[in-house]
């Protein structure tokens, strides 16, 4: 804020261009229709051979649109597929 550079202006322009291009995106909620919150998570056990950590992924949708999703490497090394799934579910719920 005190001394912006050309790089800051470029980043601000990209953000504004993104917002302008996604103004029509929305999740509709109709009063007379039943909408359900759905969350899914999965894990790829020991996906990385370098550090033996698993990759977790999750997606949440409400009605007909997904509003949150991610794919991240787990912080710990899981010793079994069950432990990897438990960590994945824990990360998705947080």
PDB file of N, CA and C in Angstrom:
ATOM      1  N   UNK A   1       0.826  -1.187   0.000  1.00  0.00           N
ATOM      2  CA  UNK A   1       0.000   0.000   0.000  1.00  0.00           C
ATOM      3  C   UNK A   1       0.868   1.248   0.000  1.00  0.00           C
ATOM      4  N   UNK A   2       2.008   1.169   0.651  1.00  0.00           N
ATOM      5  CA  UNK A   2       2.834   2.367   0.784  1.00  0.00           C
ATOM      6  C   UNK A   2       3.572   2.691  -0.507  1.00  0.00           C
ATOM      7  N   UNK A   3       4.169   1.675  -1.133  1.00  0.00           N
ATOM      8  CA  UNK A   3       4.909   1.931  -2.370  1.00  0.00           C
ATOM      9  C   UNK A   3       4.699   0.776  -3.358  1.00  0.00           C
ATOM     10  N   UNK A   4       3.538   0.754  -4.030  1.00  0.00           N
ATOM     11  CA  UNK A   4       3.264  -0.341  -4.965  1.00  0.00           C
ATOM     12  C   UNK A   4       4.168  -0.257  -6.194  1.00  0.00           C
ATOM     13  N   UNK A   5       4.486  -1.427  -6.731  1.00  0.00           N
ATOM     14  CA  UNK A   5       5.323  -1.499  -7.927  1.00  0.00           C
ATOM     15  C   UNK A   5       4.484  -1.995  -9.106  1.00  0.00           C
ATOM     16  N   UNK A   6       5.123  -2.101 -10.279  1.00  0.00           N
ATOM     17  CA  UNK A   6       4.429  -2.603 -11.464  1.00  0.00           C
ATOM     18  C   UNK A   6       3.971  -4.047 -11.261  1.00  0.00           C
ATOM     19  N   UNK A   7       4.736  -4.818 -10.495  1.00  0.00           N
ATOM     20  CA  UNK A   7       4.357  -6.195 -10.224  1.00  0.00           C
ATOM     21  C   UNK A   7       3.056  -6.243  -9.413  1.00  0.00           C
ATOM     22  N   UNK A   8       2.901  -5.342  -8.436  1.00  0.00           N
ATOM     23  CA  UNK A   8       1.678  -5.281  -7.647  1.00  0.00           C
ATOM     24  C   UNK A   8       0.483  -4.900  -8.522  1.00  0.00           C
ATOM     25  N   UNK A   9       0.685  -3.947  -9.415  1.00  0.00           N
ATOM     26  CA  UNK A   9      -0.395  -3.530 -10.311  1.00  0.00           C
ATOM     27  C   UNK A   9      -0.794  -4.670 -11.243  1.00  0.00           C
ATOM     28  N   UNK A  10       0.176  -5.431 -11.718  1.00  0.00           N
ATOM     29  CA  UNK A  10      -0.120  -6.571 -12.580  1.00  0.00           C
ATOM     30  C   UNK A  10      -0.933  -7.627 -11.844  1.00  0.00           C
ATOM     31  N   UNK A  11      -0.572  -7.892 -10.596  1.00  0.00           N
ATOM     32  CA  UNK A  11      -1.316  -8.866  -9.786  1.00  0.00           C
ATOM     33  C   UNK A  11      -2.737  -8.372  -9.532  1.00  0.00           C
ATOM     34  N   UNK A  12      -2.897  -7.087  -9.239  1.00  0.00           N
ATOM     35  CA  UNK A  12      -4.235  -6.526  -9.003  1.00  0.00           C
ATOM     36  C   UNK A  12      -5.086  -6.626 -10.267  1.00  0.00           C
ATOM     37  N   UNK A  13      -4.491  -6.378 -11.421  1.00  0.00           N
ATOM     38  CA  UNK A  13      -5.223  -6.507 -12.687  1.00  0.00           C
ATOM     39  C   UNK A  13      -5.680  -7.938 -12.929  1.00  0.00           C
ATOM     40  N   UNK A  14      -4.802  -8.907 -12.647  1.00  0.00           N
ATOM     41  CA  UNK A  14      -5.184 -10.312 -12.830  1.00  0.00           C
ATOM     42  C   UNK A  14      -6.357 -10.686 -11.930  1.00  0.00           C
ATOM     43  N   UNK A  15      -6.332 -10.217 -10.686  1.00  0.00           N
ATOM     44  CA  UNK A  15      -7.428 -10.502  -9.761  1.00  0.00           C
ATOM     45  C   UNK A  15      -8.723  -9.881 -10.271  1.00  0.00           C
ATOM     46  N   UNK A  16      -8.668  -8.633 -10.716  1.00  0.00           N
ATOM     47  CA  UNK A  16      -9.868  -7.969 -11.216  1.00  0.00           C
ATOM     48  C   UNK A  16     -10.391  -8.633 -12.488  1.00  0.00           C
ATOM     49  N   UNK A  17      -9.486  -9.080 -13.368  1.00  0.00           N
ATOM     50  CA  UNK A  17      -9.905  -9.793 -14.575  1.00  0.00           C
ATOM     51  C   UNK A  17     -10.593 -11.112 -14.214  1.00  0.00           C
ATOM     52  N   UNK A  18     -10.056 -11.801 -13.219  1.00  0.00           N
ATOM     53  CA  UNK A  18     -10.666 -13.054 -12.758  1.00  0.00           C
ATOM     54  C   UNK A  18     -12.060 -12.786 -12.199  1.00  0.00           C
ATOM     55  N   UNK A  19     -12.191 -11.792 -11.358  1.00  0.00           N
ATOM     56  CA  UNK A  19     -13.489 -11.473 -10.754  1.00  0.00           C
ATOM     57  C   UNK A  19     -14.487 -11.089 -11.839  1.00  0.00           C
ATOM     58  N   UNK A  20     -14.066 -10.297 -12.806  1.00  0.00           N
ATOM     59  CA  UNK A  20     -14.960  -9.881 -13.883  1.00  0.00           C
ATOM     60  C   UNK A  20     -15.426 -11.086 -14.710  1.00  0.00           C
ATOM     61  N   UNK A  21     -14.554 -12.052 -14.934  1.00  0.00           N
ATOM     62  CA  UNK A  21     -14.902 -13.216 -15.733  1.00  0.00           C
ATOM     63  C   UNK A  21     -15.742 -14.243 -15.000  1.00  0.00           C
ATOM     64  N   UNK A  22     -15.828 -14.149 -13.681  1.00  0.00           N
ATOM     65  CA  UNK A  22     -16.571 -15.155 -12.907  1.00  0.00           C
ATOM     66  C   UNK A  22     -17.783 -14.581 -12.179  1.00  0.00           C
ATOM     67  N   UNK A  23     -18.231 -13.396 -12.569  1.00  0.00           N
ATOM     68  CA  UNK A  23     -19.388 -12.787 -11.902  1.00  0.00           C
ATOM     69  C   UNK A  23     -20.659 -13.616 -12.065  1.00  0.00           C
ATOM     70  N   UNK A  24     -20.778 -14.334 -13.166  1.00  0.00           N
ATOM     71  CA  UNK A  24     -21.993 -15.110 -13.394  1.00  0.00           C
ATOM     72  C   UNK A  24     -21.962 -16.474 -12.695  1.00  0.00           C
ATOM     73  N   UNK A  25     -20.843 -16.851 -12.087  1.00  0.00           N
ATOM     74  CA  UNK A  25     -20.749 -18.130 -11.391  1.00  0.00           C
ATOM     75  C   UNK A  25     -21.478 -18.023 -10.059  1.00  0.00           C
ATOM     76  N   UNK A  26     -22.295 -19.025  -9.769  1.00  0.00           N
ATOM     77  CA  UNK A  26     -23.010 -18.993  -8.494  1.00  0.00           C
ATOM     78  C   UNK A  26     -23.516 -20.388  -8.161  1.00  0.00           C
ATOM     79  N   UNK A  27     -23.925 -20.552  -6.939  1.00  0.00           N
ATOM     80  CA  UNK A  27     -24.597 -21.768  -6.493  1.00  0.00           C
ATOM     81  C   UNK A  27     -26.025 -21.359  -6.170  1.00  0.00           C
ATOM     82  N   UNK A  28     -26.969 -21.936  -6.890  1.00  0.00           N
ATOM     83  CA  UNK A  28     -28.366 -21.571  -6.696  1.00  0.00           C
ATOM     84  C   UNK A  28     -28.985 -22.361  -5.561  1.00  0.00           C
ATOM     85  N   UNK A  29     -29.796 -21.687  -4.807  1.00  0.00           N
ATOM     86  CA  UNK A  29     -30.552 -22.347  -3.730  1.00  0.00           C
ATOM     87  C   UNK A  29     -32.017 -21.986  -3.909  1.00  0.00           C
ATOM     88  N   UNK A  30     -32.808 -22.947  -4.335  1.00  0.00           N
ATOM     89  CA  UNK A  30     -34.237 -22.734  -4.517  1.00  0.00           C
ATOM     90  C   UNK A  30     -34.964 -23.143  -3.241  1.00  0.00           C
ATOM     91  N   UNK A  31     -35.885 -22.345  -2.823  1.00  0.00           N
ATOM     92  CA  UNK A  31     -36.590 -22.590  -1.574  1.00  0.00           C
ATOM     93  C   UNK A  31     -37.400 -23.886  -1.616  1.00  0.00           C
ATOM     94  N   UNK A  32     -38.038 -24.188  -2.745  1.00  0.00           N
ATOM     95  CA  UNK A  32     -38.906 -25.358  -2.808  1.00  0.00           C
ATOM     96  C   UNK A  32     -38.165 -26.642  -3.164  1.00  0.00           C
ATOM     97  N   UNK A  33     -36.902 -26.556  -3.538  1.00  0.00           N
ATOM     98  CA  UNK A  33     -36.137 -27.751  -3.868  1.00  0.00           C
ATOM     99  C   UNK A  33     -35.239 -28.132  -2.695  1.00  0.00           C
ATOM    100  N   UNK A  34     -35.062 -29.434  -2.522  1.00  0.00           N
ATOM    101  CA  UNK A  34     -34.178 -29.908  -1.470  1.00  0.00           C
ATOM    102  C   UNK A  34     -32.738 -29.905  -1.985  1.00  0.00           C
ATOM    103  N   UNK A  35     -31.843 -29.265  -1.285  1.00  0.00           N
ATOM    104  CA  UNK A  35     -30.425 -29.244  -1.650  1.00  0.00           C
ATOM    105  C   UNK A  35     -29.640 -29.989  -0.583  1.00  0.00           C
ATOM    106  N   UNK A  36     -28.606 -30.655  -1.029  1.00  0.00           N
ATOM    107  CA  UNK A  36     -27.826 -31.491  -0.130  1.00  0.00           C
ATOM    108  C   UNK A  36     -26.362 -31.080  -0.190  1.00  0.00           C
ATOM    109  N   UNK A  37     -25.752 -31.013   0.964  1.00  0.00           N
ATOM    110  CA  UNK A  37     -24.314 -30.789   1.046  1.00  0.00           C
ATOM    111  C   UNK A  37     -23.629 -32.144   0.942  1.00  0.00           C
ATOM    112  N   UNK A  38     -22.752 -32.290  -0.047  1.00  0.00           N
ATOM    113  CA  UNK A  38     -22.059 -33.559  -0.273  1.00  0.00           C
ATOM    114  C   UNK A  38     -20.564 -33.312  -0.191  1.00  0.00           C
ATOM    115  N   UNK A  39     -19.877 -34.132   0.576  1.00  0.00           N
ATOM    116  CA  UNK A  39     -18.423 -34.061   0.678  1.00  0.00           C
ATOM    117  C   UNK A  39     -17.803 -35.413   0.360  1.00  0.00           C
ATOM    118  N   UNK A  40     -16.794 -35.411  -0.478  1.00  0.00           N
ATOM    119  CA  UNK A  40     -16.093 -36.633  -0.853  1.00  0.00           C
ATOM    120  C   UNK A  40     -14.606 -36.449  -0.600  1.00  0.00           C
ATOM    121  N   UNK A  41     -13.954 -37.506  -0.139  1.00  0.00           N
ATOM    122  CA  UNK A  41     -12.504 -37.440   0.028  1.00  0.00           C
ATOM    123  C   UNK A  41     -11.904 -38.780  -0.378  1.00  0.00           C
ATOM    124  N   UNK A  42     -10.670 -38.735  -0.820  1.00  0.00           N
ATOM    125  CA  UNK A  42      -9.974 -39.944  -1.234  1.00  0.00           C
ATOM    126  C   UNK A  42      -8.486 -39.723  -1.000  1.00  0.00           C
ATOM    127  N   UNK A  43      -7.729 -40.810  -1.063  1.00  0.00           N
ATOM    128  CA  UNK A  43      -6.292 -40.720  -0.823  1.00  0.00           C
ATOM    129  C   UNK A  43      -5.560 -41.666  -1.767  1.00  0.00           C
ATOM    130  N   UNK A  44      -4.381 -41.267  -2.180  1.00  0.00           N
ATOM    131  CA  UNK A  44      -3.489 -42.122  -2.949  1.00  0.00           C
ATOM    132  C   UNK A  44      -2.357 -42.498  -1.998  1.00  0.00           C
ATOM    133  N   UNK A  45      -2.417 -43.713  -1.445  1.00  0.00           N
ATOM    134  CA  UNK A  45      -1.484 -44.121  -0.397  1.00  0.00           C
ATOM    135  C   UNK A  45      -0.072 -44.229  -0.946  1.00  0.00           C
ATOM    136  N   UNK A  46       0.877 -43.605  -0.290  1.00  0.00           N
ATOM    137  CA  UNK A  46       2.301 -43.575  -0.617  1.00  0.00           C
ATOM    138  C   UNK A  46       2.490 -43.219  -2.095  1.00  0.00           C
ATOM    139  N   UNK A  47       1.898 -42.116  -2.497  1.00  0.00           N
ATOM    140  CA  UNK A  47       2.003 -41.679  -3.886  1.00  0.00           C
ATOM    141  C   UNK A  47       3.412 -41.199  -4.218  1.00  0.00           C
ATOM    142  N   UNK A  48       4.106 -40.632  -3.259  1.00  0.00           N
ATOM    143  CA  UNK A  48       5.441 -40.107  -3.492  1.00  0.00           C
ATOM    144  C   UNK A  48       6.485 -41.104  -2.996  1.00  0.00           C
ATOM    145  N   UNK A  49       7.289 -41.601  -3.906  1.00  0.00           N
ATOM    146  CA  UNK A  49       8.329 -42.546  -3.513  1.00  0.00           C
ATOM    147  C   UNK A  49       9.515 -41.846  -2.848  1.00  0.00           C
ATOM    148  N   UNK A  50       9.629 -40.531  -3.038  1.00  0.00           N
ATOM    149  CA  UNK A  50      10.740 -39.775  -2.451  1.00  0.00           C
ATOM    150  C   UNK A  50      10.619 -39.674  -0.933  1.00  0.00           C
ATOM    151  N   UNK A  51       9.422 -39.352  -0.435  1.00  0.00           N
ATOM    152  CA  UNK A  51       9.264 -39.156   1.008  1.00  0.00           C
ATOM    153  C   UNK A  51       8.167 -40.037   1.616  1.00  0.00           C
ATOM    154  N   UNK A  52       7.585 -40.948   0.856  1.00  0.00           N
ATOM    155  CA  UNK A  52       6.571 -41.923   1.308  1.00  0.00           C
ATOM    156  C   UNK A  52       5.311 -41.283   1.877  1.00  0.00           C
ATOM    157  N   UNK A  53       5.019 -40.052   1.485  1.00  0.00           N
ATOM    158  CA  UNK A  53       3.794 -39.413   1.960  1.00  0.00           C
ATOM    159  C   UNK A  53       2.673 -39.622   0.949  1.00  0.00           C
ATOM    160  N   UNK A  54       1.460 -39.695   1.442  1.00  0.00           N
ATOM    161  CA  UNK A  54       0.278 -39.909   0.607  1.00  0.00           C
ATOM    162  C   UNK A  54      -0.292 -38.580   0.140  1.00  0.00           C
ATOM    163  N   UNK A  55      -1.118 -38.630  -0.900  1.00  0.00           N
ATOM    164  CA  UNK A  55      -1.784 -37.445  -1.425  1.00  0.00           C
ATOM    165  C   UNK A  55      -3.274 -37.553  -1.138  1.00  0.00           C
ATOM    166  N   UNK A  56      -3.818 -36.548  -0.457  1.00  0.00           N
ATOM    167  CA  UNK A  56      -5.240 -36.507  -0.129  1.00  0.00           C
ATOM    168  C   UNK A  56      -5.961 -35.566  -1.083  1.00  0.00           C
ATOM    169  N   UNK A  57      -7.213 -35.867  -1.341  1.00  0.00           N
ATOM    170  CA  UNK A  57      -8.024 -34.989  -2.155  1.00  0.00           C
ATOM    171  C   UNK A  57      -9.441 -34.955  -1.618  1.00  0.00           C
ATOM    172  N   UNK A  58     -10.102 -33.801  -1.765  1.00  0.00           N
ATOM    173  CA  UNK A  58     -11.488 -33.695  -1.336  1.00  0.00           C
ATOM    174  C   UNK A  58     -12.234 -32.722  -2.223  1.00  0.00           C
ATOM    175  N   UNK A  59     -13.552 -32.861  -2.241  1.00  0.00           N
ATOM    176  CA  UNK A  59     -14.434 -31.942  -2.961  1.00  0.00           C
ATOM    177  C   UNK A  59     -15.750 -31.851  -2.205  1.00  0.00           C
ATOM    178  N   UNK A  60     -16.287 -30.645  -2.102  1.00  0.00           N
ATOM    179  CA  UNK A  60     -17.568 -30.409  -1.472  1.00  0.00           C
ATOM    180  C   UNK A  60     -18.486 -29.720  -2.465  1.00  0.00           C
ATOM    181  N   UNK A  61     -19.732 -30.163  -2.515  1.00  0.00           N
ATOM    182  CA  UNK A  61     -20.711 -29.521  -3.392  1.00  0.00           C
ATOM    183  C   UNK A  61     -21.990 -29.262  -2.609  1.00  0.00           C
ATOM    184  N   UNK A  62     -22.701 -28.241  -3.050  1.00  0.00           N
ATOM    185  CA  UNK A  62     -23.979 -27.872  -2.451  1.00  0.00           C
ATOM    186  C   UNK A  62     -24.954 -27.674  -3.593  1.00  0.00           C
ATOM    187  N   UNK A  63     -25.973 -28.502  -3.655  1.00  0.00           N
ATOM    188  CA  UNK A  63     -26.896 -28.419  -4.781  1.00  0.00           C
ATOM    189  C   UNK A  63     -26.218 -28.936  -6.031  1.00  0.00           C
ATOM    190  N   UNK A  64     -26.091 -28.059  -7.032  1.00  0.00           N
ATOM    191  CA  UNK A  64     -25.514 -28.495  -8.299  1.00  0.00           C
ATOM    192  C   UNK A  64     -24.120 -27.925  -8.561  1.00  0.00           C
ATOM    193  N   UNK A  65     -23.480 -27.319  -7.581  1.00  0.00           N
ATOM    194  CA  UNK A  65     -22.176 -26.723  -7.823  1.00  0.00           C
ATOM    195  C   UNK A  65     -21.149 -27.053  -6.761  1.00  0.00           C
ATOM    196  N   UNK A  66     -19.939 -27.367  -7.203  1.00  0.00           N
ATOM    197  CA  UNK A  66     -18.839 -27.593  -6.259  1.00  0.00           C
ATOM    198  C   UNK A  66     -18.317 -26.235  -5.793  1.00  0.00           C
ATOM    199  N   UNK A  67     -18.059 -26.104  -4.507  1.00  0.00           N
ATOM    200  CA  UNK A  67     -17.581 -24.824  -4.004  1.00  0.00           C
ATOM    201  C   UNK A  67     -16.238 -24.917  -3.292  1.00  0.00           C
ATOM    202  N   UNK A  68     -15.760 -26.118  -3.026  1.00  0.00           N
ATOM    203  CA  UNK A  68     -14.464 -26.252  -2.370  1.00  0.00           C
ATOM    204  C   UNK A  68     -13.836 -27.580  -2.773  1.00  0.00           C
ATOM    205  N   UNK A  69     -12.570 -27.536  -3.176  1.00  0.00           N
ATOM    206  CA  UNK A  69     -11.861 -28.758  -3.536  1.00  0.00           C
ATOM    207  C   UNK A  69     -10.369 -28.515  -3.377  1.00  0.00           C
ATOM    208  N   UNK A  70      -9.636 -29.599  -3.166  1.00  0.00           N
ATOM    209  CA  UNK A  70      -8.184 -29.492  -3.014  1.00  0.00           C
ATOM    210  C   UNK A  70      -7.544 -30.854  -3.191  1.00  0.00           C
ATOM    211  N   UNK A  71      -6.276 -30.831  -3.510  1.00  0.00           N
ATOM    212  CA  UNK A  71      -5.454 -32.032  -3.565  1.00  0.00           C
ATOM    213  C   UNK A  71      -4.121 -31.656  -2.930  1.00  0.00           C
ATOM    214  N   UNK A  72      -3.815 -32.263  -1.779  1.00  0.00           N
ATOM    215  CA  UNK A  72      -2.625 -31.887  -1.020  1.00  0.00           C
ATOM    216  C   UNK A  72      -1.858 -33.111  -0.544  1.00  0.00           C
ATOM    217  N   UNK A  73      -0.566 -32.933  -0.381  1.00  0.00           N
ATOM    218  CA  UNK A  73       0.261 -34.007   0.173  1.00  0.00           C
ATOM    219  C   UNK A  73       0.086 -34.007   1.687  1.00  0.00           C
ATOM    220  N   UNK A  74      -0.070 -35.191   2.275  1.00  0.00           N
ATOM    221  CA  UNK A  74      -0.259 -35.286   3.715  1.00  0.00           C
ATOM    222  C   UNK A  74       1.011 -34.886   4.453  1.00  0.00           C
ATOM    223  N   UNK A  75       0.828 -34.349   5.661  1.00  0.00           N
ATOM    224  CA  UNK A  75       1.963 -33.865   6.451  1.00  0.00           C
ATOM    225  C   UNK A  75       2.735 -35.002   7.117  1.00  0.00           C
ATOM    226  N   UNK A  76       2.088 -36.143   7.310  1.00  0.00           N
ATOM    227  CA  UNK A  76       2.728 -37.265   7.992  1.00  0.00           C
ATOM    228  C   UNK A  76       2.799 -38.475   7.072  1.00  0.00           C
ATOM    229  N   UNK A  77       3.615 -39.445   7.432  1.00  0.00           N
ATOM    230  CA  UNK A  77       3.724 -40.692   6.683  1.00  0.00           C
ATOM    231  C   UNK A  77       2.752 -41.693   7.299  1.00  0.00           C
ATOM    232  N   UNK A  78       1.808 -42.185   6.491  1.00  0.00           N
ATOM    233  CA  UNK A  78       0.831 -43.159   6.967  1.00  0.00           C
ATOM    234  C   UNK A  78       1.415 -44.559   6.854  1.00  0.00           C
ATOM    235  N   UNK A  79       1.184 -45.373   7.874  1.00  0.00           N
ATOM    236  CA  UNK A  79       1.725 -46.728   7.887  1.00  0.00           C
ATOM    237  C   UNK A  79       0.787 -47.746   7.246  1.00  0.00           C
ATOM    238  N   UNK A  80      -0.461 -47.347   6.956  1.00  0.00           N
ATOM    239  CA  UNK A  80      -1.411 -48.250   6.317  1.00  0.00           C
ATOM    240  C   UNK A  80      -2.406 -47.435   5.500  1.00  0.00           C
ATOM    241  N   UNK A  81      -3.156 -48.120   4.643  1.00  0.00           N
ATOM    242  CA  UNK A  81      -4.171 -47.420   3.851  1.00  0.00           C
ATOM    243  C   UNK A  81      -5.277 -46.873   4.746  1.00  0.00           C
ATOM    244  N   UNK A  82      -5.599 -47.590   5.816  1.00  0.00           N
ATOM    245  CA  UNK A  82      -6.635 -47.126   6.741  1.00  0.00           C
ATOM    246  C   UNK A  82      -6.208 -45.825   7.401  1.00  0.00           C
ATOM    247  N   UNK A  83      -4.958 -45.762   7.837  1.00  0.00           N
ATOM    248  CA  UNK A  83      -4.458 -44.530   8.457  1.00  0.00           C
ATOM    249  C   UNK A  83      -4.444 -43.382   7.459  1.00  0.00           C
ATOM    250  N   UNK A  84      -4.050 -43.655   6.218  1.00  0.00           N
ATOM    251  CA  UNK A  84      -4.030 -42.630   5.186  1.00  0.00           C
ATOM    252  C   UNK A  84      -5.443 -42.110   4.914  1.00  0.00           C
ATOM    253  N   UNK A  85      -6.442 -43.021   4.868  1.00  0.00           N
ATOM    254  CA  UNK A  85      -7.839 -42.607   4.665  1.00  0.00           C
ATOM    255  C   UNK A  85      -8.331 -41.795   5.849  1.00  0.00           C
ATOM    256  N   UNK A  86      -7.959 -42.181   7.069  1.00  0.00           N
ATOM    257  CA  UNK A  86      -8.375 -41.438   8.265  1.00  0.00           C
ATOM    258  C   UNK A  86      -7.802 -40.020   8.243  1.00  0.00           C
ATOM    259  N   UNK A  87      -6.543 -39.893   7.897  1.00  0.00           N
ATOM    260  CA  UNK A  87      -5.900 -38.568   7.817  1.00  0.00           C
ATOM    261  C   UNK A  87      -6.578 -37.738   6.734  1.00  0.00           C
ATOM    262  N   UNK A  88      -6.904 -38.358   5.589  1.00  0.00           N
ATOM    263  CA  UNK A  88      -7.568 -37.661   4.504  1.00  0.00           C
ATOM    264  C   UNK A  88      -8.938 -37.137   4.941  1.00  0.00           C
ATOM    265  N   UNK A  89      -9.714 -37.982   5.613  1.00  0.00           N
ATOM    266  CA  UNK A  89     -11.036 -37.565   6.100  1.00  0.00           C
ATOM    267  C   UNK A  89     -10.908 -36.453   7.134  1.00  0.00           C
ATOM    268  N   UNK A  90      -9.907 -36.545   7.984  1.00  0.00           N
ATOM    269  CA  UNK A  90      -9.670 -35.516   8.999  1.00  0.00           C
ATOM    270  C   UNK A  90      -9.317 -34.182   8.360  1.00  0.00           C
ATOM    271  N   UNK A  91      -8.446 -34.209   7.346  1.00  0.00           N
ATOM    272  CA  UNK A  91      -8.066 -32.969   6.668  1.00  0.00           C
ATOM    273  C   UNK A  91      -9.247 -32.373   5.903  1.00  0.00           C
ATOM    274  N   UNK A  92     -10.087 -33.225   5.319  1.00  0.00           N
ATOM    275  CA  UNK A  92     -11.242 -32.725   4.568  1.00  0.00           C
ATOM    276  C   UNK A  92     -12.254 -32.054   5.492  1.00  0.00           C
ATOM    277  N   UNK A  93     -12.462 -32.609   6.678  1.00  0.00           N
ATOM    278  CA  UNK A  93     -13.440 -32.019   7.589  1.00  0.00           C
ATOM    279  C   UNK A  93     -12.946 -30.726   8.224  1.00  0.00           C
ATOM    280  N   UNK A  94     -11.636 -30.557   8.332  1.00  0.00           N
ATOM    281  CA  UNK A  94     -11.138 -29.297   8.880  1.00  0.00           C
ATOM    282  C   UNK A  94     -11.168 -28.231   7.829  1.00  0.00           C
TER     283      UNK A  94
END
